[in-house]
Amino acid sequence: MGEAVANVARRINATMENGLDTLDLSNCNLISFPDGVLKMIRSYADQIHIISLANNKLKSLSGKFFTMFTQLTDLDLQGNTLTKLPEAAGEMQHLISINLSNNNLNAFPEQLTNVPTLQNINLSGNQISDVSWEGVCAMSSLNMVDLRSNPLTSSPQTSPSFTLLT
């Protein structure tokens, strides 16, 4: 446990000390995003544009996470055990790409339809059976939605203006 905490602290310090816009906390065995990390990086959060939390054991993310990292353009959450996203995820005003593949989502995260800049959504390898296509198809910036390896029971009524992988 101590080694894991030290690893996370080293990665955060390296990001801040080197003036990077990327925070890579993938493969750290995180079960949640630690409040201590939020406190540690608070003054630097607006400079972070890319976060990878891939291949951890995250069951959820707090709304605090999304309200802290307001300048995120790319968020990689693949390979966790997420079942949903908080409402605050819909308030991301700069997010371009989100990878939620290989989690435990059973519904399309509707709050993502409120993100005006979102271009790419990867939801492959979840348990999503139904999608509210009206909201998804209304997303003006959307280029691609990957829903492969999901037990979908519906498809869009009209041809979407984005690439849909099923």
N, C-alpha and C. Protein backbone atom coordinates (compact mmCIF):
# COMPACT_ATOMS: atom_id res chain seq x y z
N MET A 1 0.83 -1.19 0.00
CA MET A 1 0.00 0.00 0.00
C MET A 1 0.87 1.26 0.00
N GLY A 2 1.89 1.30 0.85
CA GLY A 2 2.77 2.45 0.94
C GLY A 2 3.48 2.72 -0.37
N GLU A 3 3.88 1.66 -1.07
CA GLU A 3 4.55 1.80 -2.36
C GLU A 3 3.61 2.43 -3.39
N ALA A 4 2.33 2.02 -3.36
CA ALA A 4 1.34 2.56 -4.30
C ALA A 4 1.15 4.06 -4.07
N VAL A 5 1.04 4.46 -2.80
CA VAL A 5 0.88 5.87 -2.46
C VAL A 5 2.10 6.67 -2.91
N ALA A 6 3.27 6.13 -2.66
CA ALA A 6 4.51 6.80 -3.07
C ALA A 6 4.57 6.95 -4.58
N ASN A 7 4.12 5.94 -5.31
CA ASN A 7 4.11 5.98 -6.77
C ASN A 7 3.20 7.10 -7.28
N VAL A 8 2.01 7.21 -6.70
CA VAL A 8 1.07 8.27 -7.09
C VAL A 8 1.68 9.63 -6.78
N ALA A 9 2.26 9.79 -5.60
CA ALA A 9 2.88 11.07 -5.22
C ALA A 9 4.01 11.43 -6.17
N ARG A 10 4.84 10.45 -6.53
CA ARG A 10 5.95 10.71 -7.48
C ARG A 10 5.42 11.19 -8.82
N ARG A 11 4.37 10.55 -9.31
CA ARG A 11 3.82 10.94 -10.62
C ARG A 11 3.23 12.34 -10.58
N ILE A 12 2.55 12.68 -9.51
CA ILE A 12 1.98 14.02 -9.38
C ILE A 12 3.09 15.06 -9.29
N ASN A 13 4.08 14.80 -8.47
CA ASN A 13 5.21 15.73 -8.35
C ASN A 13 5.92 15.92 -9.68
N ALA A 14 6.13 14.85 -10.43
CA ALA A 14 6.80 14.94 -11.72
C ALA A 14 5.99 15.81 -12.68
N THR A 15 4.67 15.65 -12.67
CA THR A 15 3.80 16.46 -13.53
C THR A 15 3.95 17.94 -13.18
N MET A 16 3.87 18.25 -11.91
CA MET A 16 3.93 19.65 -11.48
C MET A 16 5.32 20.25 -11.65
N GLU A 17 6.34 19.52 -11.25
CA GLU A 17 7.71 20.05 -11.33
C GLU A 17 8.18 20.26 -12.76
N ASN A 18 7.70 19.42 -13.67
CA ASN A 18 8.12 19.53 -15.07
C ASN A 18 7.16 20.38 -15.91
N GLY A 19 6.14 20.93 -15.27
CA GLY A 19 5.20 21.80 -15.98
C GLY A 19 4.41 21.07 -17.06
N LEU A 20 4.11 19.81 -16.82
CA LEU A 20 3.39 19.00 -17.82
C LEU A 20 1.89 19.29 -17.79
N ASP A 21 1.23 19.05 -18.91
CA ASP A 21 -0.22 19.21 -18.95
C ASP A 21 -0.92 17.85 -18.87
N THR A 22 -0.14 16.78 -18.60
CA THR A 22 -0.66 15.42 -18.55
C THR A 22 -0.39 14.81 -17.19
N LEU A 23 -1.43 14.22 -16.62
CA LEU A 23 -1.30 13.50 -15.36
C LEU A 23 -1.63 12.03 -15.63
N ASP A 24 -0.62 11.17 -15.50
CA ASP A 24 -0.80 9.74 -15.77
C ASP A 24 -0.78 8.98 -14.45
N LEU A 25 -1.97 8.56 -14.02
CA LEU A 25 -2.10 7.73 -12.83
C LEU A 25 -2.67 6.37 -13.21
N SER A 26 -2.33 5.91 -14.40
CA SER A 26 -2.78 4.59 -14.84
C SER A 26 -2.01 3.51 -14.10
N ASN A 27 -2.64 2.36 -13.95
CA ASN A 27 -2.00 1.19 -13.34
C ASN A 27 -1.45 1.47 -11.94
N CYS A 28 -2.20 2.20 -11.12
CA CYS A 28 -1.77 2.53 -9.76
C CYS A 28 -2.60 1.80 -8.69
N ASN A 29 -3.48 0.90 -9.10
CA ASN A 29 -4.35 0.17 -8.16
C ASN A 29 -5.26 1.09 -7.34
N LEU A 30 -5.64 2.22 -7.92
CA LEU A 30 -6.53 3.15 -7.22
C LEU A 30 -7.95 2.59 -7.18
N ILE A 31 -8.59 2.65 -6.02
CA ILE A 31 -10.00 2.26 -5.93
C ILE A 31 -10.88 3.51 -5.91
N SER A 32 -10.27 4.67 -5.67
CA SER A 32 -10.95 5.96 -5.76
C SER A 32 -9.87 7.01 -6.07
N PHE A 33 -10.33 8.18 -6.48
CA PHE A 33 -9.38 9.27 -6.71
C PHE A 33 -9.20 9.96 -5.37
N PRO A 34 -8.02 9.83 -4.77
CA PRO A 34 -7.82 10.30 -3.39
C PRO A 34 -8.02 11.80 -3.21
N ASP A 35 -8.74 12.17 -2.15
CA ASP A 35 -8.92 13.59 -1.82
C ASP A 35 -7.56 14.26 -1.60
N GLY A 36 -6.61 13.50 -1.09
CA GLY A 36 -5.26 14.04 -0.88
C GLY A 36 -4.63 14.50 -2.18
N VAL A 37 -4.91 13.78 -3.27
CA VAL A 37 -4.41 14.17 -4.58
C VAL A 37 -5.05 15.48 -5.01
N LEU A 38 -6.35 15.60 -4.79
CA LEU A 38 -7.05 16.83 -5.15
C LEU A 38 -6.44 18.03 -4.40
N LYS A 39 -6.13 17.85 -3.12
CA LYS A 39 -5.53 18.93 -2.33
C LYS A 39 -4.12 19.23 -2.82
N MET A 40 -3.38 18.19 -3.13
CA MET A 40 -1.99 18.32 -3.55
C MET A 40 -1.86 19.08 -4.87
N ILE A 41 -2.83 18.89 -5.74
CA ILE A 41 -2.72 19.42 -7.10
C ILE A 41 -3.65 20.60 -7.36
N ARG A 42 -4.38 21.04 -6.35
CA ARG A 42 -5.40 22.09 -6.51
C ARG A 42 -4.88 23.31 -7.25
N SER A 43 -3.72 23.82 -6.86
CA SER A 43 -3.19 25.04 -7.48
C SER A 43 -2.72 24.82 -8.92
N TYR A 44 -2.57 23.58 -9.31
CA TYR A 44 -2.04 23.26 -10.64
C TYR A 44 -3.12 22.68 -11.57
N ALA A 45 -4.29 22.41 -11.04
CA ALA A 45 -5.33 21.68 -11.76
C ALA A 45 -5.71 22.30 -13.10
N ASP A 46 -5.76 23.62 -13.18
CA ASP A 46 -6.16 24.29 -14.43
C ASP A 46 -5.15 24.10 -15.55
N GLN A 47 -3.94 23.67 -15.23
CA GLN A 47 -2.92 23.46 -16.25
C GLN A 47 -2.91 22.03 -16.80
N ILE A 48 -3.74 21.18 -16.21
CA ILE A 48 -3.81 19.78 -16.66
C ILE A 48 -4.91 19.63 -17.69
N HIS A 49 -4.52 19.12 -18.86
CA HIS A 49 -5.46 18.93 -19.96
C HIS A 49 -5.75 17.46 -20.24
N ILE A 50 -4.86 16.59 -19.82
CA ILE A 50 -5.00 15.15 -20.10
C ILE A 50 -4.79 14.38 -18.80
N ILE A 51 -5.73 13.50 -18.49
CA ILE A 51 -5.59 12.63 -17.32
C ILE A 51 -5.86 11.20 -17.75
N SER A 52 -4.96 10.30 -17.33
CA SER A 52 -5.20 8.87 -17.52
C SER A 52 -5.31 8.21 -16.15
N LEU A 53 -6.45 7.60 -15.93
CA LEU A 53 -6.68 6.78 -14.74
C LEU A 53 -6.98 5.36 -15.20
N ALA A 54 -6.44 5.00 -16.35
CA ALA A 54 -6.71 3.69 -16.96
C ALA A 54 -6.17 2.56 -16.10
N ASN A 55 -6.87 1.45 -16.18
CA ASN A 55 -6.44 0.19 -15.57
C ASN A 55 -6.16 0.30 -14.08
N ASN A 56 -7.10 0.91 -13.38
CA ASN A 56 -7.09 0.95 -11.93
C ASN A 56 -8.27 0.09 -11.46
N LYS A 57 -8.77 0.37 -10.28
CA LYS A 57 -9.92 -0.37 -9.74
C LYS A 57 -11.00 0.61 -9.31
N LEU A 58 -11.09 1.73 -10.04
CA LEU A 58 -12.03 2.79 -9.68
C LEU A 58 -13.47 2.31 -9.80
N LYS A 59 -14.22 2.47 -8.72
CA LYS A 59 -15.65 2.11 -8.72
C LYS A 59 -16.49 3.35 -9.02
N SER A 60 -15.94 4.52 -8.70
CA SER A 60 -16.66 5.77 -8.95
C SER A 60 -15.67 6.93 -8.93
N LEU A 61 -16.11 8.05 -9.46
CA LEU A 61 -15.37 9.30 -9.37
C LEU A 61 -16.31 10.33 -8.78
N SER A 62 -15.80 11.19 -7.93
CA SER A 62 -16.65 12.20 -7.30
C SER A 62 -16.87 13.38 -8.24
N GLY A 63 -17.90 14.12 -7.95
CA GLY A 63 -18.15 15.35 -8.69
C GLY A 63 -16.99 16.33 -8.51
N LYS A 64 -16.31 16.27 -7.35
CA LYS A 64 -15.17 17.14 -7.08
C LYS A 64 -14.09 16.98 -8.14
N PHE A 65 -13.89 15.74 -8.57
CA PHE A 65 -12.87 15.48 -9.60
C PHE A 65 -13.17 16.30 -10.85
N PHE A 66 -14.41 16.27 -11.31
CA PHE A 66 -14.77 16.96 -12.55
C PHE A 66 -14.81 18.48 -12.37
N THR A 67 -15.15 18.96 -11.18
CA THR A 67 -15.16 20.41 -10.98
C THR A 67 -13.76 20.96 -10.74
N MET A 68 -12.83 20.12 -10.32
CA MET A 68 -11.45 20.56 -10.10
C MET A 68 -10.70 20.69 -11.43
N PHE A 69 -10.84 19.69 -12.30
CA PHE A 69 -10.09 19.67 -13.55
C PHE A 69 -10.94 20.24 -14.69
N THR A 70 -11.18 21.53 -14.63
CA THR A 70 -12.09 22.18 -15.57
C THR A 70 -11.53 22.33 -16.98
N GLN A 71 -10.22 22.21 -17.13
CA GLN A 71 -9.59 22.42 -18.44
C GLN A 71 -9.29 21.10 -19.17
N LEU A 72 -9.78 19.99 -18.66
CA LEU A 72 -9.51 18.69 -19.29
C LEU A 72 -10.01 18.64 -20.72
N THR A 73 -9.17 18.13 -21.60
CA THR A 73 -9.58 17.87 -22.98
C THR A 73 -9.66 16.37 -23.26
N ASP A 74 -8.91 15.57 -22.49
CA ASP A 74 -8.84 14.14 -22.73
C ASP A 74 -8.83 13.40 -21.39
N LEU A 75 -9.77 12.47 -21.24
CA LEU A 75 -9.87 11.71 -20.00
C LEU A 75 -9.94 10.22 -20.32
N ASP A 76 -8.99 9.46 -19.81
CA ASP A 76 -8.92 8.02 -20.05
C ASP A 76 -9.26 7.29 -18.76
N LEU A 77 -10.42 6.64 -18.76
CA LEU A 77 -10.89 5.88 -17.61
C LEU A 77 -11.08 4.41 -17.94
N GLN A 78 -10.48 3.95 -19.02
CA GLN A 78 -10.67 2.56 -19.44
C GLN A 78 -10.13 1.57 -18.41
N GLY A 79 -10.74 0.40 -18.38
CA GLY A 79 -10.25 -0.68 -17.54
C GLY A 79 -10.44 -0.50 -16.06
N ASN A 80 -11.55 0.11 -15.66
CA ASN A 80 -11.89 0.25 -14.24
C ASN A 80 -13.18 -0.52 -13.97
N THR A 81 -13.86 -0.21 -12.88
CA THR A 81 -15.13 -0.87 -12.58
C THR A 81 -16.24 0.17 -12.38
N LEU A 82 -16.15 1.27 -13.12
CA LEU A 82 -17.14 2.34 -13.01
C LEU A 82 -18.51 1.86 -13.45
N THR A 83 -19.54 2.25 -12.68
CA THR A 83 -20.92 1.92 -13.04
C THR A 83 -21.69 3.15 -13.50
N LYS A 84 -21.17 4.34 -13.18
CA LYS A 84 -21.81 5.59 -13.61
C LYS A 84 -20.83 6.74 -13.43
N LEU A 85 -21.21 7.88 -13.99
CA LEU A 85 -20.45 9.12 -13.82
C LEU A 85 -21.30 10.11 -13.03
N PRO A 86 -20.66 10.99 -12.26
CA PRO A 86 -21.45 11.99 -11.53
C PRO A 86 -22.01 13.03 -12.50
N GLU A 87 -23.05 13.73 -12.07
CA GLU A 87 -23.66 14.77 -12.90
C GLU A 87 -22.65 15.83 -13.33
N ALA A 88 -21.66 16.09 -12.49
CA ALA A 88 -20.65 17.12 -12.78
C ALA A 88 -19.86 16.81 -14.06
N ALA A 89 -19.86 15.56 -14.50
CA ALA A 89 -19.16 15.21 -15.74
C ALA A 89 -19.77 15.96 -16.93
N GLY A 90 -21.03 16.30 -16.85
CA GLY A 90 -21.69 17.03 -17.92
C GLY A 90 -21.33 18.50 -17.97
N GLU A 91 -20.57 18.97 -16.99
CA GLU A 91 -20.19 20.38 -16.94
C GLU A 91 -18.80 20.65 -17.52
N MET A 92 -18.16 19.62 -18.04
CA MET A 92 -16.84 19.78 -18.64
C MET A 92 -16.98 20.58 -19.93
N GLN A 93 -16.38 21.75 -19.97
CA GLN A 93 -16.57 22.64 -21.11
C GLN A 93 -15.49 22.53 -22.18
N HIS A 94 -14.45 21.72 -21.94
CA HIS A 94 -13.35 21.61 -22.90
C HIS A 94 -13.06 20.17 -23.30
N LEU A 95 -13.78 19.22 -22.72
CA LEU A 95 -13.51 17.81 -22.96
C LEU A 95 -13.76 17.44 -24.42
N ILE A 96 -12.76 16.85 -25.05
CA ILE A 96 -12.85 16.45 -26.45
C ILE A 96 -12.99 14.94 -26.57
N SER A 97 -12.30 14.21 -25.70
CA SER A 97 -12.29 12.75 -25.80
C SER A 97 -12.39 12.11 -24.42
N ILE A 98 -13.25 11.08 -24.32
CA ILE A 98 -13.35 10.32 -23.08
C ILE A 98 -13.37 8.84 -23.42
N ASN A 99 -12.53 8.08 -22.72
CA ASN A 99 -12.46 6.64 -22.92
C ASN A 99 -12.99 5.97 -21.66
N LEU A 100 -14.14 5.35 -21.79
CA LEU A 100 -14.78 4.62 -20.70
C LEU A 100 -14.89 3.14 -21.03
N SER A 101 -14.06 2.68 -21.93
CA SER A 101 -14.14 1.27 -22.35
C SER A 101 -13.78 0.34 -21.19
N ASN A 102 -14.34 -0.85 -21.26
CA ASN A 102 -14.04 -1.92 -20.29
C ASN A 102 -14.27 -1.50 -18.85
N ASN A 103 -15.45 -0.99 -18.59
CA ASN A 103 -15.92 -0.67 -17.24
C ASN A 103 -17.18 -1.50 -16.99
N ASN A 104 -18.01 -1.08 -16.05
CA ASN A 104 -19.24 -1.80 -15.74
C ASN A 104 -20.47 -0.93 -15.95
N LEU A 105 -20.40 -0.05 -16.94
CA LEU A 105 -21.53 0.84 -17.24
C LEU A 105 -22.65 0.03 -17.88
N ASN A 106 -23.89 0.22 -17.40
CA ASN A 106 -25.01 -0.47 -18.04
C ASN A 106 -25.93 0.50 -18.77
N ALA A 107 -25.59 1.78 -18.74
CA ALA A 107 -26.34 2.79 -19.47
C ALA A 107 -25.37 3.83 -20.03
N PHE A 108 -25.75 4.42 -21.14
CA PHE A 108 -24.96 5.51 -21.72
C PHE A 108 -24.99 6.67 -20.72
N PRO A 109 -23.83 7.22 -20.35
CA PRO A 109 -23.80 8.34 -19.40
C PRO A 109 -24.43 9.59 -20.02
N GLU A 110 -25.70 9.82 -19.72
CA GLU A 110 -26.47 10.92 -20.33
C GLU A 110 -25.83 12.28 -20.12
N GLN A 111 -25.11 12.46 -19.00
CA GLN A 111 -24.52 13.76 -18.73
C GLN A 111 -23.50 14.14 -19.80
N LEU A 112 -22.95 13.16 -20.51
CA LEU A 112 -22.00 13.47 -21.58
C LEU A 112 -22.65 14.24 -22.73
N THR A 113 -23.96 14.08 -22.89
CA THR A 113 -24.64 14.81 -23.97
C THR A 113 -24.66 16.32 -23.71
N ASN A 114 -24.31 16.74 -22.50
CA ASN A 114 -24.25 18.17 -22.16
C ASN A 114 -22.89 18.79 -22.41
N VAL A 115 -21.92 18.00 -22.86
CA VAL A 115 -20.56 18.50 -23.06
C VAL A 115 -20.45 18.98 -24.51
N PRO A 116 -20.42 20.30 -24.73
CA PRO A 116 -20.50 20.83 -26.09
C PRO A 116 -19.30 20.53 -26.98
N THR A 117 -18.15 20.26 -26.39
CA THR A 117 -16.92 20.07 -27.16
C THR A 117 -16.59 18.60 -27.43
N LEU A 118 -17.37 17.68 -26.86
CA LEU A 118 -17.04 16.26 -26.92
C LEU A 118 -17.11 15.72 -28.35
N GLN A 119 -15.98 15.15 -28.80
CA GLN A 119 -15.88 14.62 -30.16
C GLN A 119 -15.81 13.09 -30.20
N ASN A 120 -15.15 12.49 -29.21
CA ASN A 120 -14.94 11.04 -29.23
C ASN A 120 -15.33 10.43 -27.89
N ILE A 121 -16.18 9.40 -27.97
CA ILE A 121 -16.62 8.68 -26.78
C ILE A 121 -16.39 7.20 -27.02
N ASN A 122 -15.58 6.58 -26.17
CA ASN A 122 -15.35 5.13 -26.28
C ASN A 122 -16.02 4.46 -25.09
N LEU A 123 -17.06 3.69 -25.37
CA LEU A 123 -17.80 2.94 -24.36
C LEU A 123 -17.78 1.45 -24.66
N SER A 124 -16.83 1.02 -25.45
CA SER A 124 -16.78 -0.40 -25.82
C SER A 124 -16.51 -1.26 -24.59
N GLY A 125 -17.02 -2.49 -24.63
CA GLY A 125 -16.74 -3.44 -23.56
C GLY A 125 -17.43 -3.15 -22.24
N ASN A 126 -18.62 -2.59 -22.28
CA ASN A 126 -19.43 -2.36 -21.08
C ASN A 126 -20.66 -3.26 -21.15
N GLN A 127 -21.69 -2.96 -20.38
CA GLN A 127 -22.94 -3.72 -20.42
C GLN A 127 -24.10 -2.84 -20.84
N ILE A 128 -23.84 -1.90 -21.74
CA ILE A 128 -24.86 -0.94 -22.16
C ILE A 128 -25.83 -1.61 -23.12
N SER A 129 -27.12 -1.59 -22.73
CA SER A 129 -28.13 -2.20 -23.60
C SER A 129 -28.98 -1.14 -24.29
N ASP A 130 -29.15 0.00 -23.65
CA ASP A 130 -30.03 1.01 -24.23
C ASP A 130 -29.33 2.37 -24.24
N VAL A 131 -29.58 3.11 -25.29
CA VAL A 131 -29.00 4.45 -25.45
C VAL A 131 -30.13 5.40 -25.82
N SER A 132 -30.16 6.55 -25.20
CA SER A 132 -31.11 7.59 -25.57
C SER A 132 -30.52 8.30 -26.80
N TRP A 133 -30.82 7.74 -27.97
CA TRP A 133 -30.19 8.21 -29.19
C TRP A 133 -30.50 9.65 -29.53
N GLU A 134 -31.67 10.15 -29.12
CA GLU A 134 -32.03 11.53 -29.43
C GLU A 134 -30.99 12.50 -28.89
N GLY A 135 -30.61 12.32 -27.63
CA GLY A 135 -29.61 13.18 -27.00
C GLY A 135 -28.24 13.02 -27.63
N VAL A 136 -27.85 11.79 -27.91
CA VAL A 136 -26.53 11.53 -28.51
C VAL A 136 -26.46 12.13 -29.91
N CYS A 137 -27.49 11.91 -30.70
CA CYS A 137 -27.49 12.43 -32.08
C CYS A 137 -27.54 13.95 -32.14
N ALA A 138 -27.95 14.59 -31.06
CA ALA A 138 -28.01 16.06 -31.01
C ALA A 138 -26.67 16.69 -30.64
N MET A 139 -25.68 15.87 -30.33
CA MET A 139 -24.36 16.40 -29.94
C MET A 139 -23.65 16.92 -31.20
N SER A 140 -23.52 18.23 -31.29
CA SER A 140 -23.04 18.84 -32.53
C SER A 140 -21.57 18.61 -32.84
N SER A 141 -20.73 18.42 -31.85
CA SER A 141 -19.30 18.23 -32.09
C SER A 141 -18.89 16.77 -32.23
N LEU A 142 -19.80 15.86 -31.98
CA LEU A 142 -19.47 14.44 -31.93
C LEU A 142 -18.98 13.90 -33.27
N ASN A 143 -17.84 13.21 -33.25
CA ASN A 143 -17.27 12.57 -34.44
C ASN A 143 -17.40 11.06 -34.40
N MET A 144 -17.25 10.47 -33.17
CA MET A 144 -17.22 9.02 -33.07
C MET A 144 -17.73 8.55 -31.71
N VAL A 145 -18.56 7.50 -31.76
CA VAL A 145 -19.00 6.80 -30.55
C VAL A 145 -18.72 5.32 -30.77
N ASP A 146 -17.95 4.74 -29.88
CA ASP A 146 -17.62 3.32 -29.96
C ASP A 146 -18.43 2.57 -28.91
N LEU A 147 -19.37 1.75 -29.38
CA LEU A 147 -20.21 0.96 -28.49
C LEU A 147 -20.04 -0.53 -28.78
N ARG A 148 -18.92 -0.90 -29.36
CA ARG A 148 -18.69 -2.32 -29.63
C ARG A 148 -18.67 -3.12 -28.33
N SER A 149 -19.02 -4.37 -28.45
CA SER A 149 -19.02 -5.30 -27.30
C SER A 149 -19.93 -4.84 -26.17
N ASN A 150 -21.10 -4.35 -26.53
CA ASN A 150 -22.16 -4.01 -25.59
C ASN A 150 -23.43 -4.73 -26.07
N PRO A 151 -24.32 -5.12 -25.17
CA PRO A 151 -25.56 -5.80 -25.57
C PRO A 151 -26.66 -4.82 -25.98
N LEU A 152 -26.39 -3.97 -26.96
CA LEU A 152 -27.34 -2.95 -27.39
C LEU A 152 -28.65 -3.56 -27.88
N THR A 153 -29.76 -2.91 -27.49
CA THR A 153 -31.08 -3.37 -27.94
C THR A 153 -31.73 -2.37 -28.90
N SER A 154 -31.06 -1.24 -29.14
CA SER A 154 -31.63 -0.24 -30.05
C SER A 154 -30.51 0.42 -30.85
N SER A 155 -30.93 1.08 -31.92
CA SER A 155 -29.99 1.85 -32.73
C SER A 155 -30.67 3.15 -33.12
N PRO A 156 -29.92 4.13 -33.61
CA PRO A 156 -30.53 5.43 -33.95
C PRO A 156 -31.59 5.26 -35.04
N GLN A 157 -32.65 6.06 -34.95
CA GLN A 157 -33.72 6.01 -35.94
C GLN A 157 -33.30 6.59 -37.28
N THR A 158 -32.40 7.57 -37.24
CA THR A 158 -31.90 8.18 -38.46
C THR A 158 -30.38 7.97 -38.51
N SER A 159 -29.83 8.17 -39.66
CA SER A 159 -28.38 8.00 -39.83
C SER A 159 -27.66 9.10 -39.03
N PRO A 160 -26.81 8.71 -38.08
CA PRO A 160 -26.12 9.71 -37.27
C PRO A 160 -25.10 10.50 -38.08
N SER A 161 -24.78 11.70 -37.62
CA SER A 161 -23.80 12.55 -38.29
C SER A 161 -22.38 12.24 -37.81
N PHE A 162 -22.22 11.19 -37.02
CA PHE A 162 -20.92 10.77 -36.49
C PHE A 162 -20.71 9.31 -36.80
N THR A 163 -19.47 8.85 -36.64
CA THR A 163 -19.17 7.43 -36.85
C THR A 163 -19.62 6.67 -35.61
N LEU A 164 -20.45 5.66 -35.85
CA LEU A 164 -20.97 4.84 -34.77
C LEU A 164 -20.42 3.42 -34.96
N LEU A 165 -19.65 2.95 -33.99
CA LEU A 165 -19.10 1.61 -34.03
C LEU A 165 -19.91 0.73 -33.08
N THR A 166 -20.53 -0.31 -33.64
CA THR A 166 -21.32 -1.24 -32.81
C THR A 166 -20.94 -2.67 -33.10
